[in-house]
């Protein structure tokens, strides 16, 4: 017998759980904490999408200094990191004062949230690492350009006609290249710090993710138990139905035998009387 189950988002599940517990009395504090963590995860995911766009924009060629784009990246990275750190601390402080049933449920929710946080932190670190590599590539390209321009200036100074030096456009290009190199160096330093901080967050979150896959295994096990119970119940129902049918047939047969016996007695009496 095949059973199918539609996936339920954790925030929706927590909301339904809270409503159920409210009907039974005040819900335990860990439910509110879990709701807040789930909300933080959703906010972090939204900001991750904004960060990806900011990365792409910052890496595009631009006539500006790129400070505004870099500032947006710094702000988004800090906001996401703060959400992850706040959620990790809140998750670590979840209460364990409920009943044994609540405790088991709480641990399952905690593992699920920890897994979501870990996935999110890994994704953020991957994005930051990719961005860092592209920044370093741009820095190397800028350094090569600056070296070529300086080499050209040196050759012009050594040449008999080098008194003219660089024209205005060349000097502007050289200054822009030098400025871009300095900016890229600063950006690289900040991204490296961000990646290192994320590494620590990932380490802390990993400690909360006990026995990866336990939740899925437990859910599969529970579903299997439900399926087995339903199938067994269905078999028992069929057995009861067959027994009931057999019982009805026996009852009808018994009535018929009794009626036949009565008819035989009546026939015998009739013959005797005649």
C-alpha atoms as a PDB file:
ATOM      1  CA  UNK A   1       0.000   0.000   0.000  1.00  0.00           C
ATOM      2  CA  UNK A   2       1.675   3.223  -1.177  1.00  0.00           C
ATOM      3  CA  UNK A   3       1.397   6.432   0.847  1.00  0.00           C
ATOM      4  CA  UNK A   4       2.508   9.881  -0.338  1.00  0.00           C
ATOM      5  CA  UNK A   5       3.254  12.908   1.842  1.00  0.00           C
ATOM      6  CA  UNK A   6       3.560  16.518   0.658  1.00  0.00           C
ATOM      7  CA  UNK A   7       6.566  18.404   2.085  1.00  0.00           C
ATOM      8  CA  UNK A   8       5.737  21.043   4.697  1.00  0.00           C
ATOM      9  CA  UNK A   9       7.890  24.151   5.208  1.00  0.00           C
ATOM     10  CA  UNK A  10       9.325  24.383   8.714  1.00  0.00           C
ATOM     11  CA  UNK A  11       7.875  27.881   9.408  1.00  0.00           C
ATOM     12  CA  UNK A  12       4.411  26.592   8.462  1.00  0.00           C
ATOM     13  CA  UNK A  13       4.889  23.529  10.631  1.00  0.00           C
ATOM     14  CA  UNK A  14       6.018  25.646  13.591  1.00  0.00           C
ATOM     15  CA  UNK A  15       3.046  27.979  13.178  1.00  0.00           C
ATOM     16  CA  UNK A  16       0.620  25.049  13.157  1.00  0.00           C
ATOM     17  CA  UNK A  17       2.402  23.501  16.135  1.00  0.00           C
ATOM     18  CA  UNK A  18       2.169  26.754  18.077  1.00  0.00           C
ATOM     19  CA  UNK A  19      -1.578  27.043  17.410  1.00  0.00           C
ATOM     20  CA  UNK A  20      -2.062  23.463  18.592  1.00  0.00           C
ATOM     21  CA  UNK A  21      -0.060  24.043  21.772  1.00  0.00           C
ATOM     22  CA  UNK A  22      -1.908  27.312  22.457  1.00  0.00           C
ATOM     23  CA  UNK A  23      -5.164  25.364  22.515  1.00  0.00           C
ATOM     24  CA  UNK A  24      -3.618  23.086  25.146  1.00  0.00           C
ATOM     25  CA  UNK A  25      -2.141  25.977  27.123  1.00  0.00           C
ATOM     26  CA  UNK A  26       0.854  28.283  26.748  1.00  0.00           C
ATOM     27  CA  UNK A  27       3.362  26.860  24.231  1.00  0.00           C
ATOM     28  CA  UNK A  28       6.921  26.258  25.481  1.00  0.00           C
ATOM     29  CA  UNK A  29       9.442  29.041  24.893  1.00  0.00           C
ATOM     30  CA  UNK A  30      11.415  26.968  22.394  1.00  0.00           C
ATOM     31  CA  UNK A  31       8.548  27.226  19.903  1.00  0.00           C
ATOM     32  CA  UNK A  32       8.844  31.041  19.837  1.00  0.00           C
ATOM     33  CA  UNK A  33      12.638  30.764  19.574  1.00  0.00           C
ATOM     34  CA  UNK A  34      12.323  28.309  16.704  1.00  0.00           C
ATOM     35  CA  UNK A  35       9.892  30.609  14.900  1.00  0.00           C
ATOM     36  CA  UNK A  36      12.335  33.497  15.216  1.00  0.00           C
ATOM     37  CA  UNK A  37      15.233  31.384  13.932  1.00  0.00           C
ATOM     38  CA  UNK A  38      13.151  30.192  10.974  1.00  0.00           C
ATOM     39  CA  UNK A  39      12.234  33.819  10.195  1.00  0.00           C
ATOM     40  CA  UNK A  40      15.918  34.824  10.391  1.00  0.00           C
ATOM     41  CA  UNK A  41      16.786  32.065   7.934  1.00  0.00           C
ATOM     42  CA  UNK A  42      14.193  33.356   5.474  1.00  0.00           C
ATOM     43  CA  UNK A  43      15.513  36.926   5.833  1.00  0.00           C
ATOM     44  CA  UNK A  44      19.083  35.706   5.324  1.00  0.00           C
ATOM     45  CA  UNK A  45      18.058  33.853   2.150  1.00  0.00           C
ATOM     46  CA  UNK A  46      16.474  37.022   0.753  1.00  0.00           C
ATOM     47  CA  UNK A  47      19.611  39.035   1.529  1.00  0.00           C
ATOM     48  CA  UNK A  48      21.738  36.308  -0.069  1.00  0.00           C
ATOM     49  CA  UNK A  49      19.907  36.914  -3.335  1.00  0.00           C
ATOM     50  CA  UNK A  50      20.618  40.658  -3.005  1.00  0.00           C
ATOM     51  CA  UNK A  51      24.279  39.911  -2.258  1.00  0.00           C
ATOM     52  CA  UNK A  52      24.641  37.821  -5.418  1.00  0.00           C
ATOM     53  CA  UNK A  53      23.360  40.762  -7.484  1.00  0.00           C
ATOM     54  CA  UNK A  54      25.685  43.168  -5.644  1.00  0.00           C
ATOM     55  CA  UNK A  55      28.667  40.895  -6.373  1.00  0.00           C
ATOM     56  CA  UNK A  56      27.843  40.831 -10.074  1.00  0.00           C
ATOM     57  CA  UNK A  57      27.409  44.607 -10.201  1.00  0.00           C
ATOM     58  CA  UNK A  58      30.663  45.298  -8.320  1.00  0.00           C
ATOM     59  CA  UNK A  59      32.671  43.107 -10.697  1.00  0.00           C
ATOM     60  CA  UNK A  60      31.355  44.813 -13.823  1.00  0.00           C
ATOM     61  CA  UNK A  61      33.567  47.454 -15.506  1.00  0.00           C
ATOM     62  CA  UNK A  62      32.590  50.908 -14.272  1.00  0.00           C
ATOM     63  CA  UNK A  63      33.695  54.512 -14.696  1.00  0.00           C
ATOM     64  CA  UNK A  64      33.031  55.184 -11.014  1.00  0.00           C
ATOM     65  CA  UNK A  65      35.169  54.280  -8.031  1.00  0.00           C
ATOM     66  CA  UNK A  66      32.876  51.380  -7.041  1.00  0.00           C
ATOM     67  CA  UNK A  67      32.723  52.491  -3.407  1.00  0.00           C
ATOM     68  CA  UNK A  68      28.930  52.448  -3.341  1.00  0.00           C
ATOM     69  CA  UNK A  69      28.800  48.864  -4.631  1.00  0.00           C
ATOM     70  CA  UNK A  70      31.458  47.766  -2.174  1.00  0.00           C
ATOM     71  CA  UNK A  71      29.606  49.454   0.680  1.00  0.00           C
ATOM     72  CA  UNK A  72      26.414  47.595  -0.293  1.00  0.00           C
ATOM     73  CA  UNK A  73      28.332  44.296  -0.264  1.00  0.00           C
ATOM     74  CA  UNK A  74      29.827  45.050   3.149  1.00  0.00           C
ATOM     75  CA  UNK A  75      26.420  45.926   4.625  1.00  0.00           C
ATOM     76  CA  UNK A  76      24.682  42.851   3.175  1.00  0.00           C
ATOM     77  CA  UNK A  77      27.498  40.532   4.248  1.00  0.00           C
ATOM     78  CA  UNK A  78      27.404  41.910   7.791  1.00  0.00           C
ATOM     79  CA  UNK A  79      23.609  41.638   7.982  1.00  0.00           C
ATOM     80  CA  UNK A  80      23.640  38.020   6.783  1.00  0.00           C
ATOM     81  CA  UNK A  81      26.521  37.108   9.092  1.00  0.00           C
ATOM     82  CA  UNK A  82      24.750  38.742  12.048  1.00  0.00           C
ATOM     83  CA  UNK A  83      21.562  36.806  11.276  1.00  0.00           C
ATOM     84  CA  UNK A  84      23.505  33.548  11.138  1.00  0.00           C
ATOM     85  CA  UNK A  85      25.387  34.294  14.345  1.00  0.00           C
ATOM     86  CA  UNK A  86      22.233  35.428  16.166  1.00  0.00           C
ATOM     87  CA  UNK A  87      20.342  32.325  15.035  1.00  0.00           C
ATOM     88  CA  UNK A  88      23.207  30.036  16.033  1.00  0.00           C
ATOM     89  CA  UNK A  89      23.285  31.500  19.552  1.00  0.00           C
ATOM     90  CA  UNK A  90      19.494  31.391  19.868  1.00  0.00           C
ATOM     91  CA  UNK A  91      19.482  27.798  18.673  1.00  0.00           C
ATOM     92  CA  UNK A  92      22.117  26.851  21.205  1.00  0.00           C
ATOM     93  CA  UNK A  93      20.024  28.352  24.009  1.00  0.00           C
ATOM     94  CA  UNK A  94      16.796  26.518  23.214  1.00  0.00           C
ATOM     95  CA  UNK A  95      14.987  25.428  26.362  1.00  0.00           C
ATOM     96  CA  UNK A  96      14.742  21.751  27.324  1.00  0.00           C
ATOM     97  CA  UNK A  97      12.061  22.090  29.996  1.00  0.00           C
ATOM     98  CA  UNK A  98       9.161  20.473  28.160  1.00  0.00           C
ATOM     99  CA  UNK A  99       7.742  16.991  28.495  1.00  0.00           C
ATOM    100  CA  UNK A 100       9.553  13.990  27.051  1.00  0.00           C
ATOM    101  CA  UNK A 101       7.408  14.216  23.908  1.00  0.00           C
ATOM    102  CA  UNK A 102       8.145  17.934  23.580  1.00  0.00           C
ATOM    103  CA  UNK A 103      11.843  17.265  24.150  1.00  0.00           C
ATOM    104  CA  UNK A 104      11.991  14.785  21.271  1.00  0.00           C
ATOM    105  CA  UNK A 105      10.072  17.140  19.005  1.00  0.00           C
ATOM    106  CA  UNK A 106      12.255  20.044  20.079  1.00  0.00           C
ATOM    107  CA  UNK A 107      15.437  18.161  19.208  1.00  0.00           C
ATOM    108  CA  UNK A 108      14.076  17.274  15.782  1.00  0.00           C
ATOM    109  CA  UNK A 109      13.191  20.918  15.106  1.00  0.00           C
ATOM    110  CA  UNK A 110      16.583  22.011  16.439  1.00  0.00           C
ATOM    111  CA  UNK A 111      18.421  19.633  14.114  1.00  0.00           C
ATOM    112  CA  UNK A 112      16.336  20.783  11.170  1.00  0.00           C
ATOM    113  CA  UNK A 113      17.059  24.452  11.882  1.00  0.00           C
ATOM    114  CA  UNK A 114      20.752  23.711  12.422  1.00  0.00           C
ATOM    115  CA  UNK A 115      20.902  21.919   9.074  1.00  0.00           C
ATOM    116  CA  UNK A 116      19.260  24.909   7.350  1.00  0.00           C
ATOM    117  CA  UNK A 117      21.730  27.278   9.016  1.00  0.00           C
ATOM    118  CA  UNK A 118      24.658  25.106   8.007  1.00  0.00           C
ATOM    119  CA  UNK A 119      23.479  24.957   4.387  1.00  0.00           C
ATOM    120  CA  UNK A 120      23.051  28.729   4.342  1.00  0.00           C
ATOM    121  CA  UNK A 121      26.479  29.425   5.866  1.00  0.00           C
ATOM    122  CA  UNK A 122      28.159  27.062   3.384  1.00  0.00           C
ATOM    123  CA  UNK A 123      26.405  28.820   0.502  1.00  0.00           C
ATOM    124  CA  UNK A 124      27.436  32.260   1.780  1.00  0.00           C
ATOM    125  CA  UNK A 125      31.039  31.190   2.189  1.00  0.00           C
ATOM    126  CA  UNK A 126      31.024  29.723  -1.321  1.00  0.00           C
ATOM    127  CA  UNK A 127      29.717  32.996  -2.762  1.00  0.00           C
ATOM    128  CA  UNK A 128      32.282  35.029  -0.819  1.00  0.00           C
ATOM    129  CA  UNK A 129      35.116  32.720  -1.891  1.00  0.00           C
ATOM    130  CA  UNK A 130      34.091  32.979  -5.542  1.00  0.00           C
ATOM    131  CA  UNK A 131      33.871  36.757  -5.237  1.00  0.00           C
ATOM    132  CA  UNK A 132      37.302  36.818  -3.568  1.00  0.00           C
ATOM    133  CA  UNK A 133      38.885  34.867  -6.425  1.00  0.00           C
ATOM    134  CA  UNK A 134      37.427  37.244  -9.005  1.00  0.00           C
ATOM    135  CA  UNK A 135      38.616  40.250  -7.000  1.00  0.00           C
ATOM    136  CA  UNK A 136      42.121  38.818  -6.867  1.00  0.00           C
ATOM    137  CA  UNK A 137      42.010  38.243 -10.620  1.00  0.00           C
ATOM    138  CA  UNK A 138      40.980  41.853 -11.204  1.00  0.00           C
ATOM    139  CA  UNK A 139      43.744  43.017  -8.880  1.00  0.00           C
ATOM    140  CA  UNK A 140      46.321  41.012 -10.836  1.00  0.00           C
ATOM    141  CA  UNK A 141      45.021  42.419 -14.124  1.00  0.00           C
ATOM    142  CA  UNK A 142      45.162  45.942 -12.688  1.00  0.00           C
ATOM    143  CA  UNK A 143      48.707  45.396 -11.430  1.00  0.00           C
ATOM    144  CA  UNK A 144      49.769  44.182 -14.878  1.00  0.00           C
ATOM    145  CA  UNK A 145      48.226  47.269 -16.487  1.00  0.00           C
ATOM    146  CA  UNK A 146      49.917  49.561 -13.973  1.00  0.00           C
ATOM    147  CA  UNK A 147      53.254  47.857 -14.578  1.00  0.00           C
ATOM    148  CA  UNK A 148      52.905  48.263 -18.340  1.00  0.00           C
ATOM    149  CA  UNK A 149      52.020  51.935 -18.022  1.00  0.00           C
ATOM    150  CA  UNK A 150      54.939  52.598 -15.672  1.00  0.00           C
ATOM    151  CA  UNK A 151      57.248  50.729 -18.020  1.00  0.00           C
ATOM    152  CA  UNK A 152      56.050  52.851 -20.924  1.00  0.00           C
ATOM    153  CA  UNK A 153      56.616  56.018 -18.901  1.00  0.00           C
ATOM    154  CA  UNK A 154      60.126  54.875 -18.009  1.00  0.00           C
ATOM    155  CA  UNK A 155      60.948  54.223 -21.656  1.00  0.00           C
ATOM    156  CA  UNK A 156      59.606  57.624 -22.667  1.00  0.00           C
ATOM    157  CA  UNK A 157      61.723  59.301 -20.003  1.00  0.00           C
ATOM    158  CA  UNK A 158      64.805  57.496 -21.324  1.00  0.00           C
ATOM    159  CA  UNK A 159      63.998  58.348 -24.947  1.00  0.00           C
ATOM    160  CA  UNK A 160      65.345  61.495 -26.541  1.00  0.00           C
ATOM    161  CA  UNK A 161      61.791  62.623 -27.215  1.00  0.00           C
ATOM    162  CA  UNK A 162      60.517  61.547 -23.804  1.00  0.00           C
ATOM    163  CA  UNK A 163      60.304  65.039 -22.475  1.00  0.00           C
ATOM    164  CA  UNK A 164      56.676  65.103 -23.434  1.00  0.00           C
ATOM    165  CA  UNK A 165      55.931  62.288 -20.877  1.00  0.00           C
ATOM    166  CA  UNK A 166      52.389  60.906 -20.657  1.00  0.00           C
ATOM    167  CA  UNK A 167      49.471  62.774 -22.059  1.00  0.00           C
ATOM    168  CA  UNK A 168      46.482  63.610 -19.881  1.00  0.00           C
ATOM    169  CA  UNK A 169      44.522  60.503 -20.856  1.00  0.00           C
ATOM    170  CA  UNK A 170      47.429  58.186 -20.059  1.00  0.00           C
ATOM    171  CA  UNK A 171      48.045  59.834 -16.684  1.00  0.00           C
ATOM    172  CA  UNK A 172      44.354  59.550 -15.834  1.00  0.00           C
ATOM    173  CA  UNK A 173      44.381  55.888 -16.772  1.00  0.00           C
ATOM    174  CA  UNK A 174      47.473  55.268 -14.644  1.00  0.00           C
ATOM    175  CA  UNK A 175      45.979  57.012 -11.596  1.00  0.00           C
ATOM    176  CA  UNK A 176      42.712  55.117 -12.017  1.00  0.00           C
ATOM    177  CA  UNK A 177      44.629  51.840 -12.242  1.00  0.00           C
ATOM    178  CA  UNK A 178      46.606  52.643  -9.082  1.00  0.00           C
ATOM    179  CA  UNK A 179      43.415  53.632  -7.237  1.00  0.00           C
ATOM    180  CA  UNK A 180      41.592  50.477  -8.392  1.00  0.00           C
ATOM    181  CA  UNK A 181      44.471  48.318  -7.197  1.00  0.00           C
ATOM    182  CA  UNK A 182      44.344  49.901  -3.734  1.00  0.00           C
ATOM    183  CA  UNK A 183      40.554  49.526  -3.592  1.00  0.00           C
ATOM    184  CA  UNK A 184      40.735  45.891  -4.677  1.00  0.00           C
ATOM    185  CA  UNK A 185      43.336  45.253  -1.979  1.00  0.00           C
ATOM    186  CA  UNK A 186      41.015  46.729   0.650  1.00  0.00           C
ATOM    187  CA  UNK A 187      38.040  44.750  -0.660  1.00  0.00           C
ATOM    188  CA  UNK A 188      40.064  41.533  -0.671  1.00  0.00           C
ATOM    189  CA  UNK A 189      41.080  42.091   2.957  1.00  0.00           C
ATOM    190  CA  UNK A 190      37.444  42.589   3.999  1.00  0.00           C
ATOM    191  CA  UNK A 191      36.220  39.536   2.088  1.00  0.00           C
ATOM    192  CA  UNK A 192      38.989  37.391   3.607  1.00  0.00           C
ATOM    193  CA  UNK A 193      37.872  38.506   7.083  1.00  0.00           C
ATOM    194  CA  UNK A 194      34.287  37.650   6.175  1.00  0.00           C
ATOM    195  CA  UNK A 195      35.272  34.181   4.930  1.00  0.00           C
ATOM    196  CA  UNK A 196      37.253  33.516   8.117  1.00  0.00           C
ATOM    197  CA  UNK A 197      34.325  34.599  10.289  1.00  0.00           C
ATOM    198  CA  UNK A 198      31.997  32.369   8.303  1.00  0.00           C
ATOM    199  CA  UNK A 199      34.374  29.456   8.856  1.00  0.00           C
ATOM    200  CA  UNK A 200      33.988  29.902  12.618  1.00  0.00           C
ATOM    201  CA  UNK A 201      30.197  30.174  12.332  1.00  0.00           C
ATOM    202  CA  UNK A 202      30.136  26.995  10.247  1.00  0.00           C
ATOM    203  CA  UNK A 203      32.196  25.241  12.903  1.00  0.00           C
ATOM    204  CA  UNK A 204      29.782  26.322  15.649  1.00  0.00           C
ATOM    205  CA  UNK A 205      26.718  25.324  13.635  1.00  0.00           C
ATOM    206  CA  UNK A 206      28.245  21.961  12.740  1.00  0.00           C
ATOM    207  CA  UNK A 207      28.378  21.157  16.448  1.00  0.00           C
ATOM    208  CA  UNK A 208      24.589  21.566  16.541  1.00  0.00           C
ATOM    209  CA  UNK A 209      23.993  19.275  13.586  1.00  0.00           C
ATOM    210  CA  UNK A 210      24.219  15.953  15.394  1.00  0.00           C
ATOM    211  CA  UNK A 211      24.128  12.819  13.236  1.00  0.00           C
ATOM    212  CA  UNK A 212      23.428  14.349   9.835  1.00  0.00           C
ATOM    213  CA  UNK A 213      20.376  12.792   8.272  1.00  0.00           C
ATOM    214  CA  UNK A 214      18.885  11.683  11.609  1.00  0.00           C
ATOM    215  CA  UNK A 215      15.738  13.703  11.014  1.00  0.00           C
ATOM    216  CA  UNK A 216      15.215  12.324   7.544  1.00  0.00           C
ATOM    217  CA  UNK A 217      15.884   8.787   8.737  1.00  0.00           C
ATOM    218  CA  UNK A 218      13.516   9.269  11.660  1.00  0.00           C
ATOM    219  CA  UNK A 219      10.801  10.711   9.424  1.00  0.00           C
ATOM    220  CA  UNK A 220      11.230   7.852   6.944  1.00  0.00           C
ATOM    221  CA  UNK A 221      11.098   5.402   9.844  1.00  0.00           C
ATOM    222  CA  UNK A 222       7.933   7.002  11.213  1.00  0.00           C
ATOM    223  CA  UNK A 223       6.318   7.059   7.775  1.00  0.00           C
ATOM    224  CA  UNK A 224       7.224   3.406   7.316  1.00  0.00           C
ATOM    225  CA  UNK A 225       5.686   2.615  10.700  1.00  0.00           C
ATOM    226  CA  UNK A 226       2.531   4.496   9.743  1.00  0.00           C
ATOM    227  CA  UNK A 227       2.375   2.695   6.413  1.00  0.00           C
ATOM    228  CA  UNK A 228       2.905  -0.665   8.139  1.00  0.00           C
ATOM    229  CA  UNK A 229       0.254   0.144  10.754  1.00  0.00           C
ATOM    230  CA  UNK A 230      -2.243   1.237   8.111  1.00  0.00           C
ATOM    231  CA  UNK A 231      -1.550  -1.851   6.018  1.00  0.00           C
ATOM    232  CA  UNK A 232      -1.861  -4.103   9.063  1.00  0.00           C
ATOM    233  CA  UNK A 233      -5.068  -2.358  10.049  1.00  0.00           C
ATOM    234  CA  UNK A 234      -6.400  -2.831   6.537  1.00  0.00           C
ATOM    235  CA  UNK A 235      -5.599  -6.559   6.725  1.00  0.00           C
ATOM    236  CA  UNK A 236      -7.337  -6.813  10.098  1.00  0.00           C
ATOM    237  CA  UNK A 237     -10.346  -5.018   8.650  1.00  0.00           C
ATOM    238  CA  UNK A 238     -10.480  -7.445   5.732  1.00  0.00           C
ATOM    239  CA  UNK A 239     -10.130 -10.361   8.149  1.00  0.00           C
ATOM    240  CA  UNK A 240     -12.927  -9.012  10.325  1.00  0.00           C
ATOM    241  CA  UNK A 241     -15.068  -8.498   7.254  1.00  0.00           C
ATOM    242  CA  UNK A 242     -14.469 -12.083   6.134  1.00  0.00           C
ATOM    243  CA  UNK A 243     -15.197 -13.334   9.633  1.00  0.00           C
ATOM    244  CA  UNK A 244     -18.375 -11.297   9.723  1.00  0.00           C
ATOM    245  CA  UNK A 245     -19.433 -12.670   6.362  1.00  0.00           C
ATOM    246  CA  UNK A 246     -18.664 -16.216   7.497  1.00  0.00           C
ATOM    247  CA  UNK A 247     -20.568 -15.599  10.708  1.00  0.00           C
ATOM    248  CA  UNK A 248     -23.600 -14.428   8.744  1.00  0.00           C
ATOM    249  CA  UNK A 249     -23.469 -17.470   6.490  1.00  0.00           C
ATOM    250  CA  UNK A 250     -23.237 -19.799   9.487  1.00  0.00           C
ATOM    251  CA  UNK A 251     -26.177 -18.053  11.108  1.00  0.00           C
ATOM    252  CA  UNK A 252     -28.265 -18.352   7.949  1.00  0.00           C
ATOM    253  CA  UNK A 253     -27.311 -22.002   7.530  1.00  0.00           C
ATOM    254  CA  UNK A 254     -28.241 -22.709  11.148  1.00  0.00           C
ATOM    255  CA  UNK A 255     -31.640 -21.069  10.701  1.00  0.00           C
ATOM    256  CA  UNK A 256     -32.236 -23.082   7.542  1.00  0.00           C
ATOM    257  CA  UNK A 257     -31.315 -26.342   9.316  1.00  0.00           C
ATOM    258  CA  UNK A 258     -33.666 -25.520  12.168  1.00  0.00           C
ATOM    259  CA  UNK A 259     -36.468 -24.685   9.738  1.00  0.00           C
ATOM    260  CA  UNK A 260     -35.841 -27.906   7.856  1.00  0.00           C
ATOM    261  CA  UNK A 261     -35.953 -29.867  11.116  1.00  0.00           C
ATOM    262  CA  UNK A 262     -39.237 -28.187  12.067  1.00  0.00           C
ATOM    263  CA  UNK A 263     -40.690 -28.998   8.642  1.00  0.00           C
ATOM    264  CA  UNK A 264     -39.637 -32.635   9.008  1.00  0.00           C
ATOM    265  CA  UNK A 265     -41.272 -32.831  12.449  1.00  0.00           C
ATOM    266  CA  UNK A 266     -44.449 -31.276  11.078  1.00  0.00           C
ATOM    267  CA  UNK A 267     -44.520 -33.757   8.205  1.00  0.00           C
ATOM    268  CA  UNK A 268     -44.059 -36.689  10.594  1.00  0.00           C
ATOM    269  CA  UNK A 269     -46.860 -35.425  12.830  1.00  0.00           C
ATOM    270  CA  UNK A 270     -49.067 -34.953   9.813  1.00  0.00           C
ATOM    271  CA  UNK A 271     -48.503 -38.558   8.715  1.00  0.00           C
ATOM    272  CA  UNK A 272     -49.169 -39.878  12.192  1.00  0.00           C
ATOM    273  CA  UNK A 273     -52.387 -37.924  12.553  1.00  0.00           C
ATOM    274  CA  UNK A 274     -53.659 -39.065   9.208  1.00  0.00           C
END
